[in-house]
């Protein structure tokens, strides 16, 4: 699991944010793997969205400001053995439903 080179953190989502993120950024994929991460990781900061895709950045900033929405960003490595609670494989059926 790598860190976004431009932002220097791992982009995470809440359960409520996951469908939007999956369908916006992974719409060309037929299947995705979702990691359910421990919610108490100390390196997680709640911040306004930072899109890795410049085409979506302005739209996401407007939506987040309107909804007062913050996204979890992880500023350290995620240990797959101790930090991941569950691994899900999600198949696309029109759109992702997580």
PDB file of N, CA and C in Angstrom:
ATOM      1  N   UNK A   1       0.852  -1.153   0.000  1.00  0.00           N
ATOM      2  CA  UNK A   1       0.000   0.000   0.000  1.00  0.00           C
ATOM      3  C   UNK A   1       0.901   1.219   0.000  1.00  0.00           C
ATOM      4  N   UNK A   2       0.747   2.064  -0.991  1.00  0.00           N
ATOM      5  CA  UNK A   2       1.656   3.189  -1.106  1.00  0.00           C
ATOM      6  C   UNK A   2       1.028   4.508  -0.726  1.00  0.00           C
ATOM      7  N   UNK A   3       1.898   5.450  -0.485  1.00  0.00           N
ATOM      8  CA  UNK A   3       1.473   6.811  -0.188  1.00  0.00           C
ATOM      9  C   UNK A   3       1.329   7.555  -1.499  1.00  0.00           C
ATOM     10  N   UNK A   4       0.310   8.399  -1.606  1.00  0.00           N
ATOM     11  CA  UNK A   4       0.126   9.237  -2.779  1.00  0.00           C
ATOM     12  C   UNK A   4       1.364  10.128  -2.906  1.00  0.00           C
ATOM     13  N   UNK A   5       2.045  10.060  -4.019  1.00  0.00           N
ATOM     14  CA  UNK A   5       3.298  10.786  -4.202  1.00  0.00           C
ATOM     15  C   UNK A   5       3.088  12.298  -4.110  1.00  0.00           C
ATOM     16  N   UNK A   6       1.979  12.794  -4.624  1.00  0.00           N
ATOM     17  CA  UNK A   6       1.743  14.239  -4.620  1.00  0.00           C
ATOM     18  C   UNK A   6       1.368  14.771  -3.246  1.00  0.00           C
ATOM     19  N   UNK A   7       0.565  14.029  -2.497  1.00  0.00           N
ATOM     20  CA  UNK A   7       0.069  14.544  -1.217  1.00  0.00           C
ATOM     21  C   UNK A   7       0.840  14.026  -0.019  1.00  0.00           C
ATOM     22  N   UNK A   8       1.577  12.935  -0.183  1.00  0.00           N
ATOM     23  CA  UNK A   8       2.398  12.344   0.879  1.00  0.00           C
ATOM     24  C   UNK A   8       1.584  11.739   2.019  1.00  0.00           C
ATOM     25  N   UNK A   9       0.363  11.321   1.730  1.00  0.00           N
ATOM     26  CA  UNK A   9      -0.417  10.576   2.713  1.00  0.00           C
ATOM     27  C   UNK A   9      -1.258   9.534   2.002  1.00  0.00           C
ATOM     28  N   UNK A  10      -1.803   8.612   2.789  1.00  0.00           N
ATOM     29  CA  UNK A  10      -2.684   7.574   2.246  1.00  0.00           C
ATOM     30  C   UNK A  10      -4.111   8.086   2.369  1.00  0.00           C
ATOM     31  N   UNK A  11      -4.821   8.113   1.260  1.00  0.00           N
ATOM     32  CA  UNK A  11      -6.201   8.567   1.245  1.00  0.00           C
ATOM     33  C   UNK A  11      -7.096   7.480   1.829  1.00  0.00           C
ATOM     34  N   UNK A  12      -7.878   7.821   2.833  1.00  0.00           N
ATOM     35  CA  UNK A  12      -8.840   6.904   3.429  1.00  0.00           C
ATOM     36  C   UNK A  12     -10.237   7.499   3.266  1.00  0.00           C
ATOM     37  N   UNK A  13     -11.246   6.705   3.532  1.00  0.00           N
ATOM     38  CA  UNK A  13     -12.635   7.170   3.477  1.00  0.00           C
ATOM     39  C   UNK A  13     -13.410   6.527   4.611  1.00  0.00           C
ATOM     40  N   UNK A  14     -14.439   7.216   5.044  1.00  0.00           N
ATOM     41  CA  UNK A  14     -15.372   6.610   5.984  1.00  0.00           C
ATOM     42  C   UNK A  14     -16.305   5.699   5.197  1.00  0.00           C
ATOM     43  N   UNK A  15     -17.090   4.917   5.906  1.00  0.00           N
ATOM     44  CA  UNK A  15     -18.067   4.058   5.244  1.00  0.00           C
ATOM     45  C   UNK A  15     -19.030   4.899   4.400  1.00  0.00           C
ATOM     46  N   UNK A  16     -19.404   6.059   4.920  1.00  0.00           N
ATOM     47  CA  UNK A  16     -20.336   6.931   4.205  1.00  0.00           C
ATOM     48  C   UNK A  16     -19.694   7.558   2.959  1.00  0.00           C
ATOM     49  N   UNK A  17     -18.403   7.716   2.938  1.00  0.00           N
ATOM     50  CA  UNK A  17     -17.700   8.327   1.805  1.00  0.00           C
ATOM     51  C   UNK A  17     -17.249   7.307   0.764  1.00  0.00           C
ATOM     52  N   UNK A  18     -17.197   6.046   1.141  1.00  0.00           N
ATOM     53  CA  UNK A  18     -16.561   5.020   0.316  1.00  0.00           C
ATOM     54  C   UNK A  18     -17.206   4.830  -1.052  1.00  0.00           C
ATOM     55  N   UNK A  19     -18.535   4.825  -1.136  1.00  0.00           N
ATOM     56  CA  UNK A  19     -19.184   4.625  -2.439  1.00  0.00           C
ATOM     57  C   UNK A  19     -18.835   5.743  -3.414  1.00  0.00           C
ATOM     58  N   UNK A  20     -18.917   6.992  -2.951  1.00  0.00           N
ATOM     59  CA  UNK A  20     -18.603   8.128  -3.814  1.00  0.00           C
ATOM     60  C   UNK A  20     -17.155   8.038  -4.299  1.00  0.00           C
ATOM     61  N   UNK A  21     -16.238   7.756  -3.387  1.00  0.00           N
ATOM     62  CA  UNK A  21     -14.826   7.688  -3.746  1.00  0.00           C
ATOM     63  C   UNK A  21     -14.571   6.548  -4.730  1.00  0.00           C
ATOM     64  N   UNK A  22     -15.124   5.384  -4.450  1.00  0.00           N
ATOM     65  CA  UNK A  22     -14.918   4.229  -5.338  1.00  0.00           C
ATOM     66  C   UNK A  22     -15.459   4.489  -6.733  1.00  0.00           C
ATOM     67  N   UNK A  23     -16.653   5.054  -6.810  1.00  0.00           N
ATOM     68  CA  UNK A  23     -17.268   5.282  -8.117  1.00  0.00           C
ATOM     69  C   UNK A  23     -16.636   6.452  -8.869  1.00  0.00           C
ATOM     70  N   UNK A  24     -16.109   7.424  -8.157  1.00  0.00           N
ATOM     71  CA  UNK A  24     -15.472   8.569  -8.811  1.00  0.00           C
ATOM     72  C   UNK A  24     -14.079   8.204  -9.327  1.00  0.00           C
ATOM     73  N   UNK A  25     -13.283   7.521  -8.523  1.00  0.00           N
ATOM     74  CA  UNK A  25     -11.889   7.297  -8.873  1.00  0.00           C
ATOM     75  C   UNK A  25     -11.598   5.933  -9.480  1.00  0.00           C
ATOM     76  N   UNK A  26     -12.488   4.978  -9.299  1.00  0.00           N
ATOM     77  CA  UNK A  26     -12.218   3.626  -9.788  1.00  0.00           C
ATOM     78  C   UNK A  26     -13.318   3.128 -10.729  1.00  0.00           C
ATOM     79  N   UNK A  27     -14.000   4.057 -11.389  1.00  0.00           N
ATOM     80  CA  UNK A  27     -15.123   3.687 -12.256  1.00  0.00           C
ATOM     81  C   UNK A  27     -14.700   2.819 -13.435  1.00  0.00           C
ATOM     82  N   UNK A  28     -13.445   2.856 -13.822  1.00  0.00           N
ATOM     83  CA  UNK A  28     -12.966   2.035 -14.936  1.00  0.00           C
ATOM     84  C   UNK A  28     -12.596   0.622 -14.509  1.00  0.00           C
ATOM     85  N   UNK A  29     -12.658   0.348 -13.221  1.00  0.00           N
ATOM     86  CA  UNK A  29     -12.307  -0.975 -12.697  1.00  0.00           C
ATOM     87  C   UNK A  29     -13.558  -1.832 -12.546  1.00  0.00           C
ATOM     88  N   UNK A  30     -13.421  -3.132 -12.707  1.00  0.00           N
ATOM     89  CA  UNK A  30     -14.558  -4.039 -12.509  1.00  0.00           C
ATOM     90  C   UNK A  30     -14.592  -4.591 -11.085  1.00  0.00           C
ATOM     91  N   UNK A  31     -13.468  -4.467 -10.387  1.00  0.00           N
ATOM     92  CA  UNK A  31     -13.365  -5.009  -9.032  1.00  0.00           C
ATOM     93  C   UNK A  31     -12.347  -4.173  -8.246  1.00  0.00           C
ATOM     94  N   UNK A  32     -12.634  -3.949  -6.979  1.00  0.00           N
ATOM     95  CA  UNK A  32     -11.684  -3.260  -6.111  1.00  0.00           C
ATOM     96  C   UNK A  32     -11.540  -4.041  -4.806  1.00  0.00           C
ATOM     97  N   UNK A  33     -10.436  -3.803  -4.137  1.00  0.00           N
ATOM     98  CA  UNK A  33     -10.197  -4.400  -2.822  1.00  0.00           C
ATOM     99  C   UNK A  33     -10.284  -3.269  -1.808  1.00  0.00           C
ATOM    100  N   UNK A  34     -11.101  -3.466  -0.787  1.00  0.00           N
ATOM    101  CA  UNK A  34     -11.317  -2.458   0.251  1.00  0.00           C
ATOM    102  C   UNK A  34     -10.753  -2.996   1.556  1.00  0.00           C
ATOM    103  N   UNK A  35      -9.930  -2.191   2.199  1.00  0.00           N
ATOM    104  CA  UNK A  35      -9.375  -2.556   3.503  1.00  0.00           C
ATOM    105  C   UNK A  35     -10.133  -1.797   4.583  1.00  0.00           C
ATOM    106  N   UNK A  36     -10.672  -2.508   5.542  1.00  0.00           N
ATOM    107  CA  UNK A  36     -11.305  -1.861   6.689  1.00  0.00           C
ATOM    108  C   UNK A  36     -10.224  -1.684   7.739  1.00  0.00           C
ATOM    109  N   UNK A  37      -9.890  -0.431   8.011  1.00  0.00           N
ATOM    110  CA  UNK A  37      -8.767  -0.068   8.864  1.00  0.00           C
ATOM    111  C   UNK A  37      -9.262   0.275  10.274  1.00  0.00           C
ATOM    112  N   UNK A  38      -8.459  -0.060  11.266  1.00  0.00           N
ATOM    113  CA  UNK A  38      -8.770   0.340  12.646  1.00  0.00           C
ATOM    114  C   UNK A  38      -9.059   1.841  12.689  1.00  0.00           C
ATOM    115  N   UNK A  39     -10.138   2.256  13.305  1.00  0.00           N
ATOM    116  CA  UNK A  39     -10.490   3.680  13.304  1.00  0.00           C
ATOM    117  C   UNK A  39      -9.643   4.527  14.251  1.00  0.00           C
ATOM    118  N   UNK A  40      -8.830   3.902  15.086  1.00  0.00           N
ATOM    119  CA  UNK A  40      -8.078   4.656  16.090  1.00  0.00           C
ATOM    120  C   UNK A  40      -6.593   4.816  15.750  1.00  0.00           C
ATOM    121  N   UNK A  41      -6.235   4.722  14.484  1.00  0.00           N
ATOM    122  CA  UNK A  41      -4.827   4.884  14.115  1.00  0.00           C
ATOM    123  C   UNK A  41      -4.357   6.290  14.484  1.00  0.00           C
ATOM    124  N   UNK A  42      -3.248   6.412  15.210  1.00  0.00           N
ATOM    125  CA  UNK A  42      -2.805   7.731  15.660  1.00  0.00           C
ATOM    126  C   UNK A  42      -2.336   8.647  14.530  1.00  0.00           C
ATOM    127  N   UNK A  43      -1.935   8.101  13.396  1.00  0.00           N
ATOM    128  CA  UNK A  43      -1.404   8.923  12.305  1.00  0.00           C
ATOM    129  C   UNK A  43      -2.496   9.456  11.378  1.00  0.00           C
ATOM    130  N   UNK A  44      -3.772   9.249  11.721  1.00  0.00           N
ATOM    131  CA  UNK A  44      -4.867   9.713  10.879  1.00  0.00           C
ATOM    132  C   UNK A  44      -5.261  11.133  11.284  1.00  0.00           C
ATOM    133  N   UNK A  45      -5.340  11.999  10.275  1.00  0.00           N
ATOM    134  CA  UNK A  45      -5.798  13.374  10.480  1.00  0.00           C
ATOM    135  C   UNK A  45      -7.050  13.583   9.628  1.00  0.00           C
ATOM    136  N   UNK A  46      -8.015  14.313  10.174  1.00  0.00           N
ATOM    137  CA  UNK A  46      -9.251  14.628   9.453  1.00  0.00           C
ATOM    138  C   UNK A  46      -9.091  15.992   8.803  1.00  0.00           C
ATOM    139  N   UNK A  47      -9.150  15.997   7.451  1.00  0.00           N
ATOM    140  CA  UNK A  47      -8.846  17.210   6.703  1.00  0.00           C
ATOM    141  C   UNK A  47      -9.791  17.357   5.505  1.00  0.00           C
ATOM    142  N   UNK A  48      -9.839  18.562   4.935  1.00  0.00           N
ATOM    143  CA  UNK A  48     -10.613  18.732   3.691  1.00  0.00           C
ATOM    144  C   UNK A  48     -10.062  17.800   2.613  1.00  0.00           C
ATOM    145  N   UNK A  49     -10.876  17.467   1.629  1.00  0.00           N
ATOM    146  CA  UNK A  49     -10.423  16.545   0.592  1.00  0.00           C
ATOM    147  C   UNK A  49      -9.273  17.126  -0.221  1.00  0.00           C
ATOM    148  N   UNK A  50      -8.373  16.249  -0.605  1.00  0.00           N
ATOM    149  CA  UNK A  50      -7.288  16.585  -1.520  1.00  0.00           C
ATOM    150  C   UNK A  50      -7.333  15.522  -2.598  1.00  0.00           C
ATOM    151  N   UNK A  51      -7.741  15.922  -3.767  1.00  0.00           N
ATOM    152  CA  UNK A  51      -7.909  14.959  -4.841  1.00  0.00           C
ATOM    153  C   UNK A  51      -6.588  14.671  -5.535  1.00  0.00           C
ATOM    154  N   UNK A  52      -6.285  13.386  -5.759  1.00  0.00           N
ATOM    155  CA  UNK A  52      -5.107  13.062  -6.562  1.00  0.00           C
ATOM    156  C   UNK A  52      -5.337  13.388  -8.035  1.00  0.00           C
ATOM    157  N   UNK A  53      -6.589  13.646  -8.387  1.00  0.00           N
ATOM    158  CA  UNK A  53      -6.960  13.968  -9.764  1.00  0.00           C
ATOM    159  C   UNK A  53      -7.366  15.436  -9.816  1.00  0.00           C
ATOM    160  N   UNK A  54      -6.579  16.246 -10.486  1.00  0.00           N
ATOM    161  CA  UNK A  54      -6.836  17.695 -10.554  1.00  0.00           C
ATOM    162  C   UNK A  54      -8.219  18.009 -11.132  1.00  0.00           C
ATOM    163  N   UNK A  55      -8.749  17.130 -11.999  1.00  0.00           N
ATOM    164  CA  UNK A  55     -10.060  17.359 -12.588  1.00  0.00           C
ATOM    165  C   UNK A  55     -11.170  17.375 -11.538  1.00  0.00           C
ATOM    166  N   UNK A  56     -10.972  16.659 -10.431  1.00  0.00           N
ATOM    167  CA  UNK A  56     -11.996  16.562  -9.395  1.00  0.00           C
ATOM    168  C   UNK A  56     -11.761  17.506  -8.222  1.00  0.00           C
ATOM    169  N   UNK A  57     -10.575  18.112  -8.120  1.00  0.00           N
ATOM    170  CA  UNK A  57     -10.223  18.881  -6.927  1.00  0.00           C
ATOM    171  C   UNK A  57     -11.191  20.034  -6.647  1.00  0.00           C
ATOM    172  N   UNK A  58     -11.487  20.836  -7.646  1.00  0.00           N
ATOM    173  CA  UNK A  58     -12.374  21.982  -7.431  1.00  0.00           C
ATOM    174  C   UNK A  58     -13.773  21.533  -7.021  1.00  0.00           C
ATOM    175  N   UNK A  59     -14.303  20.530  -7.699  1.00  0.00           N
ATOM    176  CA  UNK A  59     -15.629  20.001  -7.366  1.00  0.00           C
ATOM    177  C   UNK A  59     -15.656  19.437  -5.946  1.00  0.00           C
ATOM    178  N   UNK A  60     -14.642  18.677  -5.572  1.00  0.00           N
ATOM    179  CA  UNK A  60     -14.598  18.095  -4.230  1.00  0.00           C
ATOM    180  C   UNK A  60     -14.480  19.166  -3.152  1.00  0.00           C
ATOM    181  N   UNK A  61     -13.705  20.187  -3.410  1.00  0.00           N
ATOM    182  CA  UNK A  61     -13.556  21.265  -2.435  1.00  0.00           C
ATOM    183  C   UNK A  61     -14.894  21.957  -2.213  1.00  0.00           C
ATOM    184  N   UNK A  62     -15.615  22.241  -3.289  1.00  0.00           N
ATOM    185  CA  UNK A  62     -16.950  22.868  -3.168  1.00  0.00           C
ATOM    186  C   UNK A  62     -17.909  21.982  -2.393  1.00  0.00           C
ATOM    187  N   UNK A  63     -17.950  20.685  -2.731  1.00  0.00           N
ATOM    188  CA  UNK A  63     -18.850  19.752  -2.047  1.00  0.00           C
ATOM    189  C   UNK A  63     -18.509  19.643  -0.560  1.00  0.00           C
ATOM    190  N   UNK A  64     -17.231  19.557  -0.245  1.00  0.00           N
ATOM    191  CA  UNK A  64     -16.809  19.414   1.146  1.00  0.00           C
ATOM    192  C   UNK A  64     -17.126  20.660   1.957  1.00  0.00           C
ATOM    193  N   UNK A  65     -16.908  21.833   1.365  1.00  0.00           N
ATOM    194  CA  UNK A  65     -17.228  23.077   2.071  1.00  0.00           C
ATOM    195  C   UNK A  65     -18.721  23.179   2.325  1.00  0.00           C
ATOM    196  N   UNK A  66     -19.508  22.814   1.333  1.00  0.00           N
ATOM    197  CA  UNK A  66     -20.971  22.860   1.467  1.00  0.00           C
ATOM    198  C   UNK A  66     -21.449  21.902   2.554  1.00  0.00           C
ATOM    199  N   UNK A  67     -20.882  20.712   2.586  1.00  0.00           N
ATOM    200  CA  UNK A  67     -21.307  19.678   3.535  1.00  0.00           C
ATOM    201  C   UNK A  67     -20.487  19.669   4.819  1.00  0.00           C
ATOM    202  N   UNK A  68     -19.504  20.556   4.918  1.00  0.00           N
ATOM    203  CA  UNK A  68     -18.594  20.580   6.083  1.00  0.00           C
ATOM    204  C   UNK A  68     -17.964  19.198   6.295  1.00  0.00           C
ATOM    205  N   UNK A  69     -17.566  18.580   5.192  1.00  0.00           N
ATOM    206  CA  UNK A  69     -17.072  17.206   5.224  1.00  0.00           C
ATOM    207  C   UNK A  69     -15.547  17.148   5.268  1.00  0.00           C
ATOM    208  N   UNK A  70     -15.040  16.304   6.150  1.00  0.00           N
ATOM    209  CA  UNK A  70     -13.606  16.055   6.243  1.00  0.00           C
ATOM    210  C   UNK A  70     -13.328  14.603   5.883  1.00  0.00           C
ATOM    211  N   UNK A  71     -12.141  14.356   5.385  1.00  0.00           N
ATOM    212  CA  UNK A  71     -11.727  13.006   5.005  1.00  0.00           C
ATOM    213  C   UNK A  71     -10.549  12.567   5.860  1.00  0.00           C
ATOM    214  N   UNK A  72     -10.472  11.277   6.186  1.00  0.00           N
ATOM    215  CA  UNK A  72      -9.320  10.778   6.933  1.00  0.00           C
ATOM    216  C   UNK A  72      -8.117  10.592   6.005  1.00  0.00           C
ATOM    217  N   UNK A  73      -6.981  11.122   6.434  1.00  0.00           N
ATOM    218  CA  UNK A  73      -5.724  10.970   5.714  1.00  0.00           C
ATOM    219  C   UNK A  73      -4.712  10.360   6.676  1.00  0.00           C
ATOM    220  N   UNK A  74      -4.045   9.313   6.245  1.00  0.00           N
ATOM    221  CA  UNK A  74      -3.080   8.620   7.104  1.00  0.00           C
ATOM    222  C   UNK A  74      -1.665   9.030   6.719  1.00  0.00           C
ATOM    223  N   UNK A  75      -0.913   9.521   7.695  1.00  0.00           N
ATOM    224  CA  UNK A  75       0.439  10.029   7.467  1.00  0.00           C
ATOM    225  C   UNK A  75       1.527   9.053   7.899  1.00  0.00           C
ATOM    226  N   UNK A  76       1.209   7.781   7.972  1.00  0.00           N
ATOM    227  CA  UNK A  76       2.231   6.763   8.248  1.00  0.00           C
ATOM    228  C   UNK A  76       1.850   5.485   7.511  1.00  0.00           C
ATOM    229  N   UNK A  77       2.726   4.517   7.568  1.00  0.00           N
ATOM    230  CA  UNK A  77       2.433   3.230   6.941  1.00  0.00           C
ATOM    231  C   UNK A  77       1.295   2.539   7.691  1.00  0.00           C
ATOM    232  N   UNK A  78       0.557   1.717   6.984  1.00  0.00           N
ATOM    233  CA  UNK A  78      -0.510   0.914   7.587  1.00  0.00           C
ATOM    234  C   UNK A  78      -0.006  -0.520   7.656  1.00  0.00           C
ATOM    235  N   UNK A  79       0.018  -1.071   8.847  1.00  0.00           N
ATOM    236  CA  UNK A  79       0.472  -2.444   9.056  1.00  0.00           C
ATOM    237  C   UNK A  79      -0.676  -3.383   8.695  1.00  0.00           C
ATOM    238  N   UNK A  80      -0.468  -4.185   7.669  1.00  0.00           N
ATOM    239  CA  UNK A  80      -1.545  -5.058   7.192  1.00  0.00           C
ATOM    240  C   UNK A  80      -1.970  -6.097   8.220  1.00  0.00           C
ATOM    241  N   UNK A  81      -1.099  -6.464   9.139  1.00  0.00           N
ATOM    242  CA  UNK A  81      -1.445  -7.475  10.135  1.00  0.00           C
ATOM    243  C   UNK A  81      -2.156  -6.889  11.350  1.00  0.00           C
ATOM    244  N   UNK A  82      -1.746  -5.714  11.793  1.00  0.00           N
ATOM    245  CA  UNK A  82      -2.339  -5.182  13.027  1.00  0.00           C
ATOM    246  C   UNK A  82      -3.335  -4.041  12.809  1.00  0.00           C
ATOM    247  N   UNK A  83      -3.282  -3.356  11.678  1.00  0.00           N
ATOM    248  CA  UNK A  83      -4.155  -2.201  11.456  1.00  0.00           C
ATOM    249  C   UNK A  83      -5.382  -2.505  10.603  1.00  0.00           C
ATOM    250  N   UNK A  84      -5.348  -3.591   9.840  1.00  0.00           N
ATOM    251  CA  UNK A  84      -6.465  -3.938   8.951  1.00  0.00           C
ATOM    252  C   UNK A  84      -7.384  -4.924   9.656  1.00  0.00           C
ATOM    253  N   UNK A  85      -8.650  -4.532   9.786  1.00  0.00           N
ATOM    254  CA  UNK A  85      -9.625  -5.391  10.465  1.00  0.00           C
ATOM    255  C   UNK A  85     -10.281  -6.386   9.509  1.00  0.00           C
ATOM    256  N   UNK A  86     -10.423  -5.989   8.248  1.00  0.00           N
ATOM    257  CA  UNK A  86     -11.090  -6.864   7.289  1.00  0.00           C
ATOM    258  C   UNK A  86     -10.694  -6.451   5.879  1.00  0.00           C
ATOM    259  N   UNK A  87     -10.658  -7.419   4.960  1.00  0.00           N
ATOM    260  CA  UNK A  87     -10.378  -7.162   3.554  1.00  0.00           C
ATOM    261  C   UNK A  87     -11.602  -7.610   2.758  1.00  0.00           C
ATOM    262  N   UNK A  88     -12.114  -6.711   1.934  1.00  0.00           N
ATOM    263  CA  UNK A  88     -13.293  -7.018   1.126  1.00  0.00           C
ATOM    264  C   UNK A  88     -12.941  -6.903  -0.354  1.00  0.00           C
ATOM    265  N   UNK A  89     -13.447  -7.823  -1.149  1.00  0.00           N
ATOM    266  CA  UNK A  89     -13.355  -7.712  -2.600  1.00  0.00           C
ATOM    267  C   UNK A  89     -14.744  -7.305  -3.082  1.00  0.00           C
ATOM    268  N   UNK A  90     -14.811  -6.161  -3.744  1.00  0.00           N
ATOM    269  CA  UNK A  90     -16.094  -5.615  -4.188  1.00  0.00           C
ATOM    270  C   UNK A  90     -16.141  -5.661  -5.708  1.00  0.00           C
ATOM    271  N   UNK A  91     -17.141  -6.349  -6.260  1.00  0.00           N
ATOM    272  CA  UNK A  91     -17.338  -6.399  -7.706  1.00  0.00           C
ATOM    273  C   UNK A  91     -18.298  -5.300  -8.121  1.00  0.00           C
ATOM    274  N   UNK A  92     -18.029  -4.732  -9.269  1.00  0.00           N
ATOM    275  CA  UNK A  92     -18.856  -3.644  -9.786  1.00  0.00           C
ATOM    276  C   UNK A  92     -20.077  -4.235 -10.498  1.00  0.00           C
ATOM    277  N   UNK A  93     -21.234  -3.749 -10.110  1.00  0.00           N
ATOM    278  CA  UNK A  93     -22.486  -4.145 -10.760  1.00  0.00           C
ATOM    279  C   UNK A  93     -23.195  -2.842 -11.141  1.00  0.00           C
ATOM    280  N   UNK A  94     -22.744  -2.221 -12.226  1.00  0.00           N
ATOM    281  CA  UNK A  94     -23.238  -0.902 -12.600  1.00  0.00           C
ATOM    282  C   UNK A  94     -22.429   0.169 -11.886  1.00  0.00           C
ATOM    283  N   UNK A  95     -22.420   0.125 -10.562  1.00  0.00           N
ATOM    284  CA  UNK A  95     -21.555   0.973  -9.759  1.00  0.00           C
ATOM    285  C   UNK A  95     -21.175   0.217  -8.513  1.00  0.00           C
ATOM    286  N   UNK A  96     -20.132   0.697  -7.831  1.00  0.00           N
ATOM    287  CA  UNK A  96     -19.702   0.023  -6.612  1.00  0.00           C
ATOM    288  C   UNK A  96     -20.666   0.339  -5.472  1.00  0.00           C
ATOM    289  N   UNK A  97     -20.980  -0.684  -4.688  1.00  0.00           N
ATOM    290  CA  UNK A  97     -21.800  -0.527  -3.481  1.00  0.00           C
ATOM    291  C   UNK A  97     -21.035  -1.190  -2.347  1.00  0.00           C
ATOM    292  N   UNK A  98     -20.480  -0.372  -1.494  1.00  0.00           N
ATOM    293  CA  UNK A  98     -19.640  -0.883  -0.414  1.00  0.00           C
ATOM    294  C   UNK A  98     -20.434  -0.928   0.870  1.00  0.00           C
TER     295      UNK A  98
END
